[in-house]
C-alpha atoms as a PDB file:
ATOM      1  CA  MET A   1     -17.887  -4.621 -12.795  1.00  0.00           C
ATOM      2  CA  LYS A   2     -16.978  -7.005  -9.976  1.00  0.00           C
ATOM      3  CA  PHE A   3     -13.579  -7.625  -8.399  1.00  0.00           C
ATOM      4  CA  GLN A   4     -12.951 -11.284  -7.550  1.00  0.00           C
ATOM      5  CA  GLY A   5      -9.197 -11.264  -6.996  1.00  0.00           C
ATOM      6  CA  THR A   6      -6.586 -12.408  -9.517  1.00  0.00           C
ATOM      7  CA  PRO A   7      -4.311 -15.441  -9.902  1.00  0.00           C
ATOM      8  CA  GLU A   8      -1.452 -13.263  -8.558  1.00  0.00           C
ATOM      9  CA  TYR A   9      -3.364 -11.843  -5.575  1.00  0.00           C
ATOM     10  CA  VAL A  10      -5.200 -13.859  -2.934  1.00  0.00           C
ATOM     11  CA  ALA A  11      -8.144 -11.682  -1.894  1.00  0.00           C
ATOM     12  CA  THR A  12     -10.233 -12.745   1.094  1.00  0.00           C
ATOM     13  CA  ASP A  13     -14.025 -12.619   0.892  1.00  0.00           C
ATOM     14  CA  ASP A  14     -14.280  -9.553   3.130  1.00  0.00           C
ATOM     15  CA  LEU A  15     -11.744  -7.693   0.980  1.00  0.00           C
ATOM     16  CA  THR A  16     -13.563  -8.405  -2.301  1.00  0.00           C
ATOM     17  CA  ILE A  17     -16.834  -7.334  -0.656  1.00  0.00           C
ATOM     18  CA  ALA A  18     -15.212  -4.064   0.439  1.00  0.00           C
ATOM     19  CA  VAL A  19     -13.829  -3.314  -3.029  1.00  0.00           C
ATOM     20  CA  ASN A  20     -17.136  -4.020  -4.747  1.00  0.00           C
ATOM     21  CA  ALA A  21     -19.094  -2.039  -2.147  1.00  0.00           C
ATOM     22  CA  ALA A  22     -16.874   0.999  -2.726  1.00  0.00           C
ATOM     23  CA  VAL A  23     -17.327   0.654  -6.497  1.00  0.00           C
ATOM     24  CA  THR A  24     -21.112   0.399  -6.119  1.00  0.00           C
ATOM     25  CA  LEU A  25     -21.320   3.357  -3.732  1.00  0.00           C
ATOM     26  CA  GLU A  26     -18.843   5.364  -5.852  1.00  0.00           C
ATOM     27  CA  ARG A  27     -16.952   6.190  -2.675  1.00  0.00           C
ATOM     28  CA  PRO A  28     -13.175   6.123  -2.132  1.00  0.00           C
ATOM     29  CA  LEU A  29     -12.023   2.859  -0.568  1.00  0.00           C
ATOM     30  CA  LEU A  30      -9.799   3.588   2.434  1.00  0.00           C
ATOM     31  CA  VAL A  31      -7.570   0.577   3.107  1.00  0.00           C
ATOM     32  CA  LYS A  32      -5.591   0.308   6.330  1.00  0.00           C
ATOM     33  CA  GLY A  33      -3.342  -2.449   7.623  1.00  0.00           C
ATOM     34  CA  GLU A  34       0.182  -3.283   8.683  1.00  0.00           C
ATOM     35  CA  PRO A  35       2.927  -2.305   6.210  1.00  0.00           C
ATOM     36  CA  GLY A  36       3.536  -5.203   3.839  1.00  0.00           C
ATOM     37  CA  THR A  37       0.012  -6.642   3.844  1.00  0.00           C
ATOM     38  CA  GLY A  38      -0.652  -5.822   0.178  1.00  0.00           C
ATOM     39  CA  LYS A  39      -2.560  -2.521   0.348  1.00  0.00           C
ATOM     40  CA  THR A  40      -0.767  -0.896  -2.579  1.00  0.00           C
ATOM     41  CA  GLU A  41      -0.773  -4.128  -4.556  1.00  0.00           C
ATOM     42  CA  LEU A  42      -4.556  -4.313  -4.114  1.00  0.00           C
ATOM     43  CA  ALA A  43      -5.029  -1.230  -6.314  1.00  0.00           C
ATOM     44  CA  ARG A  44      -2.815  -2.728  -9.019  1.00  0.00           C
ATOM     45  CA  GLN A  45      -4.752  -5.987  -8.935  1.00  0.00           C
ATOM     46  CA  VAL A  46      -8.131  -4.219  -9.023  1.00  0.00           C
ATOM     47  CA  SER A  47      -6.872  -2.353 -12.092  1.00  0.00           C
ATOM     48  CA  GLN A  48      -5.726  -5.593 -13.724  1.00  0.00           C
ATOM     49  CA  SER A  49      -8.849  -7.556 -12.788  1.00  0.00           C
ATOM     50  CA  LEU A  50     -11.254  -4.928 -14.141  1.00  0.00           C
ATOM     51  CA  GLY A  51      -9.121  -4.093 -17.175  1.00  0.00           C
ATOM     52  CA  LEU A  52      -8.694  -0.446 -16.184  1.00  0.00           C
ATOM     53  CA  GLN A  53      -5.728   1.892 -16.375  1.00  0.00           C
ATOM     54  CA  MET A  54      -4.186   2.793 -13.005  1.00  0.00           C
ATOM     55  CA  ILE A  55      -2.964   6.246 -12.012  1.00  0.00           C
ATOM     56  CA  GLU A  56      -0.721   6.216  -8.942  1.00  0.00           C
ATOM     57  CA  TRP A  57      -0.168   9.168  -6.608  1.00  0.00           C
ATOM     58  CA  ASN A  58       2.528   8.389  -4.043  1.00  0.00           C
ATOM     59  CA  ILE A  59       2.206  10.680  -1.035  1.00  0.00           C
ATOM     60  CA  LYS A  60       5.245  12.042   0.829  1.00  0.00           C
ATOM     61  CA  SER A  61       5.567  14.214   3.929  1.00  0.00           C
ATOM     62  CA  THR A  62       6.011  17.273   1.673  1.00  0.00           C
ATOM     63  CA  THR A  63       3.107  16.520  -0.677  1.00  0.00           C
ATOM     64  CA  ARG A  64       0.351  19.139  -0.841  1.00  0.00           C
ATOM     65  CA  ALA A  65      -3.224  18.446  -1.920  1.00  0.00           C
ATOM     66  CA  GLN A  66      -2.983  21.126  -4.616  1.00  0.00           C
ATOM     67  CA  GLN A  67      -0.309  19.064  -6.392  1.00  0.00           C
ATOM     68  CA  GLY A  68      -2.909  16.382  -7.030  1.00  0.00           C
ATOM     69  CA  LEU A  69      -5.053  18.929  -8.883  1.00  0.00           C
ATOM     70  CA  TYR A  70      -2.534  21.080 -10.739  1.00  0.00           C
ATOM     71  CA  GLU A  71       0.444  23.380 -10.273  1.00  0.00           C
ATOM     72  CA  TYR A  72       0.946  26.784 -11.879  1.00  0.00           C
ATOM     73  CA  ASP A  73       4.568  27.416 -12.901  1.00  0.00           C
ATOM     74  CA  ALA A  74       4.754  31.182 -12.491  1.00  0.00           C
ATOM     75  CA  VAL A  75       8.574  31.184 -12.530  1.00  0.00           C
ATOM     76  CA  SER A  76       8.754  29.616 -15.998  1.00  0.00           C
ATOM     77  CA  ARG A  77       6.166  32.076 -17.294  1.00  0.00           C
ATOM     78  CA  LEU A  78       8.153  35.027 -15.937  1.00  0.00           C
ATOM     79  CA  ARG A  79      11.337  33.710 -17.523  1.00  0.00           C
ATOM     80  CA  ASP A  80       9.607  33.184 -20.884  1.00  0.00           C
ATOM     81  CA  SER A  81       8.145  36.682 -20.771  1.00  0.00           C
ATOM     82  CA  GLN A  82      11.633  38.118 -20.296  1.00  0.00           C
ATOM     83  CA  LEU A  83      12.843  36.086 -23.269  1.00  0.00           C
ATOM     84  CA  GLY A  84       9.906  37.171 -25.434  1.00  0.00           C
ATOM     85  CA  ASP A  85       8.534  33.646 -25.846  1.00  0.00           C
ATOM     86  CA  GLU A  86       5.091  33.547 -27.540  1.00  0.00           C
ATOM     87  CA  ARG A  87       3.976  30.757 -25.174  1.00  0.00           C
ATOM     88  CA  VAL A  88       3.637  33.336 -22.414  1.00  0.00           C
ATOM     89  CA  HIS A  89       0.332  34.619 -23.819  1.00  0.00           C
ATOM     90  CA  ASP A  90      -1.469  31.362 -22.980  1.00  0.00           C
ATOM     91  CA  VAL A  91      -1.428  30.652 -19.249  1.00  0.00           C
ATOM     92  CA  ALA A  92      -2.448  27.037 -19.933  1.00  0.00           C
ATOM     93  CA  ASN A  93       1.112  26.400 -21.105  1.00  0.00           C
ATOM     94  CA  TYR A  94       2.256  26.782 -17.514  1.00  0.00           C
ATOM     95  CA  ILE A  95      -0.303  24.525 -15.848  1.00  0.00           C
ATOM     96  CA  ARG A  96       1.027  21.117 -14.804  1.00  0.00           C
ATOM     97  CA  LYS A  97      -1.772  18.602 -14.416  1.00  0.00           C
ATOM     98  CA  GLY A  98      -1.854  16.550 -11.224  1.00  0.00           C
ATOM     99  CA  LYS A  99      -2.906  12.952 -10.760  1.00  0.00           C
ATOM    100  CA  LEU A 100      -6.547  13.836  -9.987  1.00  0.00           C
ATOM    101  CA  TRP A 101      -6.763  15.949 -13.137  1.00  0.00           C
ATOM    102  CA  GLN A 102      -5.343  13.048 -15.168  1.00  0.00           C
ATOM    103  CA  ALA A 103      -7.913  10.678 -13.658  1.00  0.00           C
ATOM    104  CA  PHE A 104     -10.779  13.134 -14.231  1.00  0.00           C
ATOM    105  CA  GLU A 105      -9.986  13.749 -17.906  1.00  0.00           C
ATOM    106  CA  ALA A 106      -9.357  10.095 -18.802  1.00  0.00           C
ATOM    107  CA  ASP A 107     -11.487   8.823 -21.678  1.00  0.00           C
ATOM    108  CA  GLU A 108     -12.617   5.839 -19.614  1.00  0.00           C
ATOM    109  CA  LYS A 109     -12.930   4.855 -15.956  1.00  0.00           C
ATOM    110  CA  VAL A 110      -9.569   4.447 -14.230  1.00  0.00           C
ATOM    111  CA  VAL A 111      -8.282   3.266 -10.856  1.00  0.00           C
ATOM    112  CA  LEU A 112      -6.757   6.144  -8.891  1.00  0.00           C
ATOM    113  CA  LEU A 113      -4.403   5.071  -6.096  1.00  0.00           C
ATOM    114  CA  ILE A 114      -3.605   7.639  -3.392  1.00  0.00           C
ATOM    115  CA  ASP A 115      -0.853   5.752  -1.601  1.00  0.00           C
ATOM    116  CA  GLU A 116       0.041   6.269   2.087  1.00  0.00           C
ATOM    117  CA  ILE A 117      -2.124   9.314   2.694  1.00  0.00           C
ATOM    118  CA  ASP A 118      -1.111   9.350   6.368  1.00  0.00           C
ATOM    119  CA  LYS A 119       2.417  10.481   5.419  1.00  0.00           C
ATOM    120  CA  ALA A 120       1.157  13.942   4.501  1.00  0.00           C
ATOM    121  CA  ASP A 121       0.221  16.871   6.718  1.00  0.00           C
ATOM    122  CA  ILE A 122      -2.932  16.424   8.823  1.00  0.00           C
ATOM    123  CA  GLU A 123      -4.798  18.966   6.660  1.00  0.00           C
ATOM    124  CA  PHE A 124      -4.078  17.057   3.451  1.00  0.00           C
ATOM    125  CA  PRO A 125      -7.189  14.817   3.552  1.00  0.00           C
ATOM    126  CA  ASN A 126      -9.466  17.773   4.388  1.00  0.00           C
ATOM    127  CA  ASP A 127      -8.080  19.715   1.426  1.00  0.00           C
ATOM    128  CA  LEU A 128      -9.323  16.975  -0.913  1.00  0.00           C
ATOM    129  CA  LEU A 129     -12.811  16.587   0.570  1.00  0.00           C
ATOM    130  CA  GLN A 130     -14.767  18.515  -2.043  1.00  0.00           C
ATOM    131  CA  GLU A 131     -12.754  17.282  -5.012  1.00  0.00           C
ATOM    132  CA  LEU A 132     -13.208  13.615  -4.100  1.00  0.00           C
ATOM    133  CA  ASP A 133     -16.852  14.151  -3.182  1.00  0.00           C
ATOM    134  CA  LYS A 134     -18.024  16.211  -6.167  1.00  0.00           C
ATOM    135  CA  MET A 135     -15.391  14.886  -8.583  1.00  0.00           C
ATOM    136  CA  GLU A 136     -14.615  18.364  -9.865  1.00  0.00           C
ATOM    137  CA  PHE A 137     -12.397  21.358  -9.134  1.00  0.00           C
ATOM    138  CA  PHE A 138     -11.863  24.909 -10.373  1.00  0.00           C
ATOM    139  CA  VAL A 139      -8.681  26.157 -12.079  1.00  0.00           C
ATOM    140  CA  TYR A 140      -8.364  29.810 -11.070  1.00  0.00           C
ATOM    141  CA  GLU A 141      -5.660  30.696 -13.603  1.00  0.00           C
ATOM    142  CA  THR A 142      -7.734  29.627 -16.624  1.00  0.00           C
ATOM    143  CA  GLY A 143     -11.236  30.016 -15.177  1.00  0.00           C
ATOM    144  CA  GLU A 144     -12.290  26.489 -16.124  1.00  0.00           C
ATOM    145  CA  THR A 145     -13.948  23.768 -14.082  1.00  0.00           C
ATOM    146  CA  ILE A 146     -12.504  20.280 -14.473  1.00  0.00           C
ATOM    147  CA  LYS A 147     -15.143  17.572 -14.026  1.00  0.00           C
ATOM    148  CA  ALA A 148     -14.588  13.828 -14.066  1.00  0.00           C
ATOM    149  CA  GLN A 149     -15.762  12.360 -17.370  1.00  0.00           C
ATOM    150  CA  HIS A 150     -15.934   8.962 -15.678  1.00  0.00           C
ATOM    151  CA  ARG A 151     -15.895   8.712 -11.897  1.00  0.00           C
ATOM    152  CA  PRO A 152     -12.630   6.885 -11.057  1.00  0.00           C
ATOM    153  CA  ILE A 153     -12.340   4.015  -8.611  1.00  0.00           C
ATOM    154  CA  VAL A 154     -10.362   5.691  -5.833  1.00  0.00           C
ATOM    155  CA  ILE A 155      -8.292   3.503  -3.506  1.00  0.00           C
ATOM    156  CA  ILE A 156      -6.562   5.242  -0.597  1.00  0.00           C
ATOM    157  CA  THR A 157      -4.022   3.441   1.579  1.00  0.00           C
ATOM    158  CA  SER A 158      -2.885   4.273   5.092  1.00  0.00           C
ATOM    159  CA  ASN A 159      -0.376   2.669   7.461  1.00  0.00           C
ATOM    160  CA  ASN A 160      -2.252   4.208  10.388  1.00  0.00           C
ATOM    161  CA  GLU A 161       0.681   6.450  11.335  1.00  0.00           C
ATOM    162  CA  LYS A 162      -1.708   9.284  12.162  1.00  0.00           C
ATOM    163  CA  GLU A 163      -5.442   9.738  12.592  1.00  0.00           C
ATOM    164  CA  LEU A 164      -7.464  10.922   9.603  1.00  0.00           C
ATOM    165  CA  PRO A 165     -10.177  13.618  10.009  1.00  0.00           C
ATOM    166  CA  ASP A 166     -13.740  12.455  10.682  1.00  0.00           C
ATOM    167  CA  ALA A 167     -15.112  14.470   7.758  1.00  0.00           C
ATOM    168  CA  PHE A 168     -12.761  12.611   5.430  1.00  0.00           C
ATOM    169  CA  LEU A 169     -13.545   9.199   6.931  1.00  0.00           C
ATOM    170  CA  ARG A 170     -17.273   9.839   6.513  1.00  0.00           C
ATOM    171  CA  ARG A 171     -16.826  10.041   2.738  1.00  0.00           C
ATOM    172  CA  CYS A 172     -14.918   6.764   2.450  1.00  0.00           C
ATOM    173  CA  PHE A 173     -15.746   3.077   2.572  1.00  0.00           C
ATOM    174  CA  PHE A 174     -13.317   1.605   5.076  1.00  0.00           C
ATOM    175  CA  HIS A 175     -11.564  -1.744   5.173  1.00  0.00           C
ATOM    176  CA  TYR A 176      -8.796  -3.012   7.452  1.00  0.00           C
ATOM    177  CA  ILE A 177      -6.641  -5.780   5.987  1.00  0.00           C
ATOM    178  CA  ARG A 178      -6.035  -8.136   8.881  1.00  0.00           C
ATOM    179  CA  PHE A 179      -2.900 -10.211   8.933  1.00  0.00           C
ATOM    180  CA  PRO A 180      -3.768 -13.468   7.153  1.00  0.00           C
ATOM    181  CA  GLU A 181      -4.447 -16.682   9.032  1.00  0.00           C
ATOM    182  CA  ILE A 182      -2.134 -19.569   8.272  1.00  0.00           C
ATOM    183  CA  ASP A 183      -4.429 -21.163   5.629  1.00  0.00           C
ATOM    184  CA  THR A 184      -4.664 -17.887   3.702  1.00  0.00           C
ATOM    185  CA  LEU A 185      -0.924 -17.319   4.051  1.00  0.00           C
ATOM    186  CA  ARG A 186      -0.316 -20.783   2.600  1.00  0.00           C
ATOM    187  CA  LYS A 187      -2.320 -19.777  -0.491  1.00  0.00           C
ATOM    188  CA  ILE A 188      -0.336 -16.541  -0.784  1.00  0.00           C
ATOM    189  CA  VAL A 189       2.942 -18.470  -0.540  1.00  0.00           C
ATOM    190  CA  GLU A 190       1.773 -20.920  -3.197  1.00  0.00           C
ATOM    191  CA  VAL A 191       1.169 -17.992  -5.582  1.00  0.00           C
ATOM    192  CA  HIS A 192       4.709 -16.651  -5.091  1.00  0.00           C
ATOM    193  CA  HIS A 193       6.590 -19.914  -4.501  1.00  0.00           C
ATOM    194  CA  PRO A 194       4.638 -22.671  -6.263  1.00  0.00           C
ATOM    195  CA  GLY A 195       5.639 -26.203  -5.456  1.00  0.00           C
ATOM    196  CA  ILE A 196       7.414 -25.437  -2.176  1.00  0.00           C
ATOM    197  CA  LYS A 197       7.900 -28.618  -0.129  1.00  0.00           C
ATOM    198  CA  GLU A 198       5.187 -29.151   2.463  1.00  0.00           C
ATOM    199  CA  ALA A 199       7.566 -30.003   5.302  1.00  0.00           C
ATOM    200  CA  LEU A 200       9.638 -26.870   4.726  1.00  0.00           C
ATOM    201  CA  LEU A 201       6.557 -24.668   4.429  1.00  0.00           C
ATOM    202  CA  THR A 202       4.955 -26.056   7.591  1.00  0.00           C
ATOM    203  CA  THR A 203       8.119 -25.634   9.657  1.00  0.00           C
ATOM    204  CA  ALA A 204       8.838 -22.178   8.246  1.00  0.00           C
ATOM    205  CA  LEU A 205       5.324 -20.851   8.861  1.00  0.00           C
ATOM    206  CA  THR A 206       5.305 -22.323  12.374  1.00  0.00           C
ATOM    207  CA  GLN A 207       8.515 -20.447  13.171  1.00  0.00           C
ATOM    208  CA  PHE A 208       7.238 -17.318  11.463  1.00  0.00           C
ATOM    209  CA  TYR A 209       4.055 -17.165  13.547  1.00  0.00           C
ATOM    210  CA  GLU A 210       6.082 -17.864  16.691  1.00  0.00           C
ATOM    211  CA  VAL A 211       8.223 -14.836  15.861  1.00  0.00           C
ATOM    212  CA  ARG A 212       5.156 -12.664  15.175  1.00  0.00           C
ATOM    213  CA  GLU A 213       3.501 -13.670  18.432  1.00  0.00           C
ATOM    214  CA  GLN A 214       6.566 -13.128  20.603  1.00  0.00           C
ATOM    215  CA  THR A 215       5.758 -10.762  23.484  1.00  0.00           C
ATOM    216  CA  GLY A 216       7.774  -7.553  23.412  1.00  0.00           C
ATOM    217  CA  LEU A 217       8.415  -7.533  19.662  1.00  0.00           C
ATOM    218  CA  LYS A 218       8.728  -3.946  18.392  1.00  0.00           C
ATOM    219  CA  LYS A 219       7.946  -4.650  14.722  1.00  0.00           C
ATOM    220  CA  LYS A 220       6.079  -7.771  13.706  1.00  0.00           C
ATOM    221  CA  PRO A 221       7.216  -9.243  10.374  1.00  0.00           C
ATOM    222  CA  SER A 222       4.654  -8.868   7.588  1.00  0.00           C
ATOM    223  CA  THR A 223       3.448 -10.880   4.610  1.00  0.00           C
ATOM    224  CA  SER A 224       6.052  -9.393   2.289  1.00  0.00           C
ATOM    225  CA  GLU A 225       8.799 -10.263   4.777  1.00  0.00           C
ATOM    226  CA  VAL A 226       7.800 -13.907   5.122  1.00  0.00           C
ATOM    227  CA  LEU A 227       7.782 -14.164   1.311  1.00  0.00           C
ATOM    228  CA  ASP A 228      11.312 -12.718   1.191  1.00  0.00           C
ATOM    229  CA  TRP A 229      12.404 -15.117   3.941  1.00  0.00           C
ATOM    230  CA  LEU A 230      11.018 -18.135   2.098  1.00  0.00           C
ATOM    231  CA  LYS A 231      12.750 -16.978  -1.087  1.00  0.00           C
ATOM    232  CA  LEU A 232      16.052 -16.976   0.801  1.00  0.00           C
ATOM    233  CA  LEU A 233      15.376 -20.395   2.336  1.00  0.00           C
ATOM    234  CA  LEU A 234      14.724 -21.817  -1.129  1.00  0.00           C
ATOM    235  CA  ALA A 235      17.798 -20.096  -2.584  1.00  0.00           C
ATOM    236  CA  GLU A 236      19.957 -21.633   0.187  1.00  0.00           C
ATOM    237  CA  ASP A 237      18.286 -25.008  -0.407  1.00  0.00           C
ATOM    238  CA  LEU A 238      17.505 -25.355   3.308  1.00  0.00           C
ATOM    239  CA  THR A 239      15.329 -28.164   4.605  1.00  0.00           C
ATOM    240  CA  ALA A 240      12.736 -28.380   7.338  1.00  0.00           C
ATOM    241  CA  GLU A 241      15.363 -30.125   9.499  1.00  0.00           C
ATOM    242  CA  ASP A 242      17.756 -27.192   9.032  1.00  0.00           C
ATOM    243  CA  LEU A 243      15.079 -24.820  10.313  1.00  0.00           C
ATOM    244  CA  LYS A 244      14.260 -27.026  13.295  1.00  0.00           C
ATOM    245  CA  THR A 245      17.924 -27.164  14.300  1.00  0.00           C
ATOM    246  CA  SER A 246      18.336 -23.393  14.114  1.00  0.00           C
ATOM    247  CA  GLY A 247      14.982 -22.862  15.808  1.00  0.00           C
ATOM    248  CA  GLN A 248      16.374 -24.456  18.961  1.00  0.00           C
ATOM    249  CA  ASN A 249      18.570 -21.355  19.337  1.00  0.00           C
ATOM    250  CA  ALA A 250      15.509 -19.026  19.257  1.00  0.00           C
ATOM    251  CA  LEU A 251      16.798 -17.008  16.304  1.00  0.00           C
ATOM    252  CA  PRO A 252      15.552 -18.492  13.006  1.00  0.00           C
ATOM    253  CA  ARG A 253      17.890 -18.961  10.048  1.00  0.00           C
ATOM    254  CA  LEU A 254      18.392 -15.821   7.940  1.00  0.00           C
ATOM    255  CA  HIS A 255      16.466 -13.848  10.546  1.00  0.00           C
ATOM    256  CA  GLY A 256      17.498 -10.542   8.961  1.00  0.00           C
ATOM    257  CA  ALA A 257      14.600 -10.969   6.539  1.00  0.00           C
ATOM    258  CA  LEU A 258      12.141 -11.075   9.446  1.00  0.00           C
ATOM    259  CA  LEU A 259      13.595  -8.921  12.237  1.00  0.00           C
ATOM    260  CA  LYS A 260      14.233  -5.351  11.124  1.00  0.00           C
ATOM    261  CA  ASN A 261      15.649  -3.607  14.191  1.00  0.00           C
ATOM    262  CA  GLU A 262      18.301  -4.311  16.793  1.00  0.00           C
ATOM    263  CA  GLN A 263      15.859  -4.344  19.738  1.00  0.00           C
ATOM    264  CA  ASP A 264      14.010  -7.345  18.290  1.00  0.00           C
ATOM    265  CA  VAL A 265      17.248  -9.167  17.486  1.00  0.00           C
ATOM    266  CA  HIS A 266      18.471  -8.569  21.054  1.00  0.00           C
ATOM    267  CA  LEU A 267      15.143  -9.868  22.376  1.00  0.00           C
ATOM    268  CA  PHE A 268      15.595 -13.200  20.596  1.00  0.00           C
ATOM    269  CA  GLU A 269      19.262 -13.360  21.582  1.00  0.00           C
ATOM    270  CA  ARG A 270      18.245 -12.991  25.233  1.00  0.00           C
ATOM    271  CA  LEU A 271      15.629 -15.712  24.796  1.00  0.00           C
ATOM    272  CA  ALA A 272      18.291 -17.957  23.273  1.00  0.00           C
ATOM    273  CA  PHE A 273      20.636 -17.262  26.187  1.00  0.00           C
ATOM    274  CA  LEU A 274      17.914 -18.028  28.719  1.00  0.00           C
ATOM    275  CA  ALA A 275      17.014 -21.227  26.871  1.00  0.00           C
ATOM    276  CA  ARG A 276      20.643 -22.383  26.902  1.00  0.00           C
ATOM    277  CA  SER A 277      21.044 -21.451  30.584  1.00  0.00           C
ATOM    278  CA  GLY A 278      17.876 -23.336  31.505  1.00  0.00           C
ATOM    279  CA  GLY A 279      19.091 -26.419  29.684  1.00  0.00           C
ATOM    280  CA  ARG A 280      22.254 -26.749  31.773  1.00  0.00           C
END
């Protein structure tokens, strides 16, 4: 069971090594990187490449670790008891299975994505230590122990918004997705926009990297944003010459796809003003 990437996902050698190492070690793969570098998509492509079902658990600031195991609906049981419902005699009727439970009871190995774990409370990762390590948990209401029939491939993503506990990190195989170099980005673009004209692509990527490398930028545009920008350029039927002309004013054409806050827009507007003033 080896991951080699897919036709829809350009995986670098170090990324495929990380995925396969985590599978071999049977450890969760913790993937960090800038937003928009394909961390979530990686889990989907691993699932597709290996022919496995994927179970996705999207973490929010209010998500609790217990929700990944199960939730006991005591309110519904109380209501049913007042109504004389026969279901009330079996507590299992009021247990809602979480994503980990679903992954553990699957008939075959699955890919379990725990997406953006750093959004949750700082104690969230610690609360899952034993369950992810031993691949089992106890249901107090029914007195049963739920064990994984097939150890899932666990992929955990983080945008690095907060530090994760050392005890949690120790149990994971870690990989940081670096922003792709221009040759890799060209391959990614070719997957999403096949047949794009070479002159347009070269000019666009040159401007894109100039934007990313600008000193003082608050939010650097990501892979997903350059793909959106290129989609707009193609939709507007712009040429490399159009981009070069606009590039002389510092702000690239359709810059709203790349610059996502007013501070960065103002930065490039100031650069444009200085460039015009210097040219007089």
